[in-house]
N, C-alpha and C. Protein backbone atom coordinates (compact mmCIF):
# COMPACT_ATOMS: atom_id res chain seq x y z
N MET A 1 -9.53 -84.94 111.25
CA MET A 1 -10.72 -84.88 112.10
C MET A 1 -11.57 -83.68 111.71
N LYS A 2 -12.88 -83.95 111.69
CA LYS A 2 -13.82 -82.86 111.45
C LYS A 2 -14.49 -82.55 112.79
N VAL A 3 -14.52 -81.29 113.19
CA VAL A 3 -15.04 -80.91 114.50
C VAL A 3 -16.36 -80.18 114.35
N SER A 4 -17.33 -80.56 115.19
CA SER A 4 -18.62 -79.87 115.22
C SER A 4 -19.10 -79.78 116.66
N ILE A 5 -20.11 -78.95 116.89
CA ILE A 5 -20.65 -78.75 118.23
C ILE A 5 -21.87 -79.64 118.42
N TYR A 6 -21.94 -80.32 119.57
CA TYR A 6 -23.07 -81.20 119.88
C TYR A 6 -24.31 -80.37 120.16
N LYS A 7 -25.42 -80.79 119.60
CA LYS A 7 -26.70 -80.13 119.84
C LYS A 7 -27.69 -81.22 120.25
N ALA A 8 -28.41 -80.98 121.35
CA ALA A 8 -29.37 -81.96 121.84
C ALA A 8 -30.50 -82.12 120.84
N GLY A 9 -30.99 -83.34 120.69
CA GLY A 9 -32.08 -83.62 119.77
C GLY A 9 -33.43 -83.22 120.33
N LYS A 10 -34.47 -83.49 119.55
CA LYS A 10 -35.83 -83.14 119.95
C LYS A 10 -36.26 -84.06 121.10
N ARG A 11 -36.87 -83.48 122.14
CA ARG A 11 -37.30 -84.27 123.30
C ARG A 11 -38.58 -85.03 122.95
N ARG A 12 -38.62 -86.29 123.38
CA ARG A 12 -39.79 -87.13 123.11
C ARG A 12 -40.69 -87.14 124.35
N GLY A 13 -41.95 -86.88 124.14
CA GLY A 13 -42.91 -86.89 125.24
C GLY A 13 -43.18 -88.29 125.75
N SER A 14 -42.88 -89.29 124.92
CA SER A 14 -43.13 -90.68 125.30
C SER A 14 -41.98 -91.30 126.08
N ALA A 15 -40.88 -90.56 126.27
CA ALA A 15 -39.72 -91.08 127.02
C ALA A 15 -40.09 -91.25 128.49
N ALA A 16 -39.47 -92.22 129.14
CA ALA A 16 -39.81 -92.57 130.53
C ALA A 16 -39.67 -91.38 131.47
N GLY A 17 -38.61 -90.62 131.35
CA GLY A 17 -38.38 -89.47 132.21
C GLY A 17 -39.41 -88.38 132.02
N GLU A 18 -39.80 -88.15 130.76
CA GLU A 18 -40.81 -87.14 130.45
C GLU A 18 -42.16 -87.54 131.04
N ARG A 19 -42.50 -88.82 130.93
CA ARG A 19 -43.78 -89.31 131.47
C ARG A 19 -43.80 -89.19 132.98
N ARG A 20 -42.68 -89.53 133.63
CA ARG A 20 -42.57 -89.46 135.08
C ARG A 20 -42.70 -88.01 135.55
N HIS A 21 -42.04 -87.11 134.85
CA HIS A 21 -42.09 -85.69 135.20
C HIS A 21 -43.52 -85.16 135.07
N ALA A 22 -44.21 -85.52 133.99
CA ALA A 22 -45.58 -85.07 133.76
C ALA A 22 -46.52 -85.61 134.83
N LEU A 23 -46.28 -86.85 135.26
CA LEU A 23 -47.12 -87.48 136.29
C LEU A 23 -46.96 -86.78 137.63
N ARG A 24 -45.73 -86.39 137.96
CA ARG A 24 -45.48 -85.71 139.23
C ARG A 24 -46.00 -84.27 139.22
N LYS A 25 -46.07 -83.66 138.04
CA LYS A 25 -46.58 -82.29 137.93
C LYS A 25 -48.10 -82.25 137.92
N LYS A 26 -48.73 -83.38 137.59
CA LYS A 26 -50.18 -83.44 137.41
C LYS A 26 -50.93 -83.20 138.73
N GLY A 27 -52.12 -82.64 138.63
CA GLY A 27 -52.98 -82.45 139.81
C GLY A 27 -52.63 -81.20 140.58
N TYR A 28 -53.03 -81.15 141.83
CA TYR A 28 -52.76 -79.98 142.68
C TYR A 28 -51.28 -79.99 143.08
N GLY A 29 -50.73 -78.81 143.28
CA GLY A 29 -49.33 -78.72 143.69
C GLY A 29 -48.44 -78.24 142.56
N GLY A 30 -48.80 -78.55 141.33
CA GLY A 30 -48.06 -78.04 140.16
C GLY A 30 -46.65 -78.55 140.05
N GLN A 31 -45.69 -77.63 140.11
CA GLN A 31 -44.29 -77.95 139.88
C GLN A 31 -43.76 -78.90 140.95
N LYS A 32 -42.98 -79.91 140.53
CA LYS A 32 -42.46 -80.88 141.51
C LYS A 32 -41.21 -80.37 142.22
N PHE A 33 -40.64 -79.27 141.70
CA PHE A 33 -39.51 -78.63 142.35
C PHE A 33 -39.66 -77.13 142.13
N PRO A 34 -39.14 -76.29 143.03
CA PRO A 34 -39.34 -74.84 142.88
C PRO A 34 -38.64 -74.30 141.63
N LYS A 35 -39.30 -73.38 140.96
CA LYS A 35 -38.69 -72.73 139.81
C LYS A 35 -37.64 -71.75 140.32
N LEU A 36 -36.47 -71.76 139.69
CA LEU A 36 -35.39 -70.88 140.12
C LEU A 36 -35.68 -69.44 139.74
N ALA A 37 -35.44 -68.53 140.66
CA ALA A 37 -35.66 -67.11 140.40
C ALA A 37 -34.65 -66.59 139.39
N LYS A 38 -33.39 -67.03 139.55
CA LYS A 38 -32.35 -66.65 138.58
C LYS A 38 -31.43 -67.84 138.37
N PRO A 39 -30.94 -68.02 137.15
CA PRO A 39 -30.03 -69.14 136.92
C PRO A 39 -28.69 -68.93 137.62
N ALA A 40 -28.12 -70.00 138.11
CA ALA A 40 -26.87 -69.93 138.87
C ALA A 40 -25.66 -69.73 137.96
N LYS A 41 -25.70 -70.33 136.79
CA LYS A 41 -24.55 -70.28 135.89
C LYS A 41 -24.73 -69.21 134.82
N THR A 42 -23.64 -68.61 134.41
CA THR A 42 -23.68 -67.60 133.35
C THR A 42 -23.18 -68.17 132.02
N THR A 43 -22.66 -69.39 132.07
CA THR A 43 -22.14 -70.02 130.84
C THR A 43 -22.77 -71.39 130.65
N LYS A 44 -22.66 -71.92 129.44
CA LYS A 44 -23.13 -73.28 129.14
C LYS A 44 -21.93 -74.11 128.74
N LYS A 45 -22.05 -75.41 128.94
CA LYS A 45 -20.97 -76.30 128.54
C LYS A 45 -21.10 -76.63 127.06
N VAL A 46 -19.99 -76.52 126.34
CA VAL A 46 -19.96 -76.81 124.91
C VAL A 46 -19.28 -78.16 124.73
N VAL A 47 -19.99 -79.11 124.11
CA VAL A 47 -19.43 -80.44 123.86
C VAL A 47 -19.05 -80.52 122.39
N LEU A 48 -17.81 -80.93 122.13
CA LEU A 48 -17.32 -81.03 120.76
C LEU A 48 -17.40 -82.47 120.26
N ILE A 49 -17.82 -82.65 119.02
CA ILE A 49 -17.85 -83.97 118.39
C ILE A 49 -16.77 -83.98 117.32
N GLU A 50 -15.85 -84.90 117.46
CA GLU A 50 -14.79 -85.07 116.46
C GLU A 50 -15.14 -86.27 115.60
N THR A 51 -15.21 -86.08 114.29
CA THR A 51 -15.54 -87.16 113.37
C THR A 51 -14.33 -87.46 112.51
N CYS A 52 -13.93 -88.73 112.48
CA CYS A 52 -12.80 -89.15 111.66
C CYS A 52 -13.25 -89.12 110.19
N THR A 53 -12.44 -88.48 109.35
CA THR A 53 -12.81 -88.35 107.93
C THR A 53 -12.62 -89.66 107.17
N VAL A 54 -11.83 -90.58 107.72
CA VAL A 54 -11.56 -91.86 107.04
C VAL A 54 -12.62 -92.91 107.40
N CYS A 55 -12.76 -93.21 108.71
CA CYS A 55 -13.66 -94.29 109.13
C CYS A 55 -15.01 -93.78 109.66
N LYS A 56 -15.21 -92.48 109.74
CA LYS A 56 -16.46 -91.84 110.19
C LYS A 56 -16.79 -92.12 111.66
N LYS A 57 -15.78 -92.52 112.44
CA LYS A 57 -15.99 -92.76 113.86
C LYS A 57 -16.10 -91.43 114.58
N LYS A 58 -17.07 -91.34 115.51
CA LYS A 58 -17.30 -90.10 116.23
C LYS A 58 -16.84 -90.22 117.67
N MET A 59 -16.18 -89.17 118.17
CA MET A 59 -15.73 -89.11 119.56
C MET A 59 -16.22 -87.80 120.15
N MET A 60 -16.73 -87.88 121.37
CA MET A 60 -17.22 -86.67 122.03
C MET A 60 -16.25 -86.27 123.12
N ASN A 61 -15.87 -85.00 123.14
CA ASN A 61 -15.00 -84.46 124.18
C ASN A 61 -15.83 -84.04 125.38
N LYS A 62 -15.19 -84.00 126.54
CA LYS A 62 -15.84 -83.55 127.74
C LYS A 62 -16.21 -82.07 127.55
N GLY A 63 -17.36 -81.65 128.07
CA GLY A 63 -17.83 -80.28 127.90
C GLY A 63 -16.92 -79.24 128.50
N ILE A 64 -16.70 -78.16 127.77
CA ILE A 64 -15.89 -77.05 128.24
C ILE A 64 -16.85 -75.92 128.58
N ARG A 65 -16.74 -75.37 129.79
CA ARG A 65 -17.60 -74.25 130.17
C ARG A 65 -17.00 -72.97 129.61
N ILE A 66 -17.72 -72.39 128.65
CA ILE A 66 -17.19 -71.22 127.96
C ILE A 66 -18.34 -70.29 127.58
N ARG A 67 -18.07 -69.00 127.58
CA ARG A 67 -19.13 -68.02 127.31
C ARG A 67 -19.47 -67.98 125.83
N LYS A 68 -18.45 -67.87 124.98
CA LYS A 68 -18.68 -67.81 123.54
C LYS A 68 -17.70 -68.74 122.85
N PHE A 69 -18.23 -69.63 122.00
CA PHE A 69 -17.39 -70.58 121.28
C PHE A 69 -17.62 -70.41 119.79
N GLU A 70 -16.56 -70.34 119.01
CA GLU A 70 -16.68 -70.11 117.58
C GLU A 70 -15.79 -71.10 116.85
N LEU A 71 -16.38 -71.83 115.90
CA LEU A 71 -15.61 -72.74 115.06
C LEU A 71 -15.19 -71.99 113.80
N VAL A 72 -13.90 -72.01 113.51
CA VAL A 72 -13.39 -71.30 112.35
C VAL A 72 -12.76 -72.31 111.39
N ALA A 73 -13.18 -72.29 110.13
CA ALA A 73 -12.61 -73.18 109.11
C ALA A 73 -11.25 -72.67 108.70
N VAL A 74 -10.28 -73.60 108.66
CA VAL A 74 -8.92 -73.21 108.29
C VAL A 74 -8.60 -73.66 106.88
C-alpha cells in the first residue's frame, strides 16, 4: 500500500452549493451566518488515502484529528 494525505481540490464557483451560498449573501445583510470571532478547534482532521500498488484501488481512512502529521518513507 502507498499512503498519501488527502487534499481538497479547487472549489468550483458553478457548483450548486457555491451558487446557493452566493445568492444568500447577495444584497443587504451580507453574511448568511455570523463570522466566528475565534475558531473552536485547534486541530484539523487528516484523511489518509491508501493506494494499492497492484490494482491501483484507492481507500480513504476516516479522518484522524491530529496537530502535526508527518509521512516518513521507510
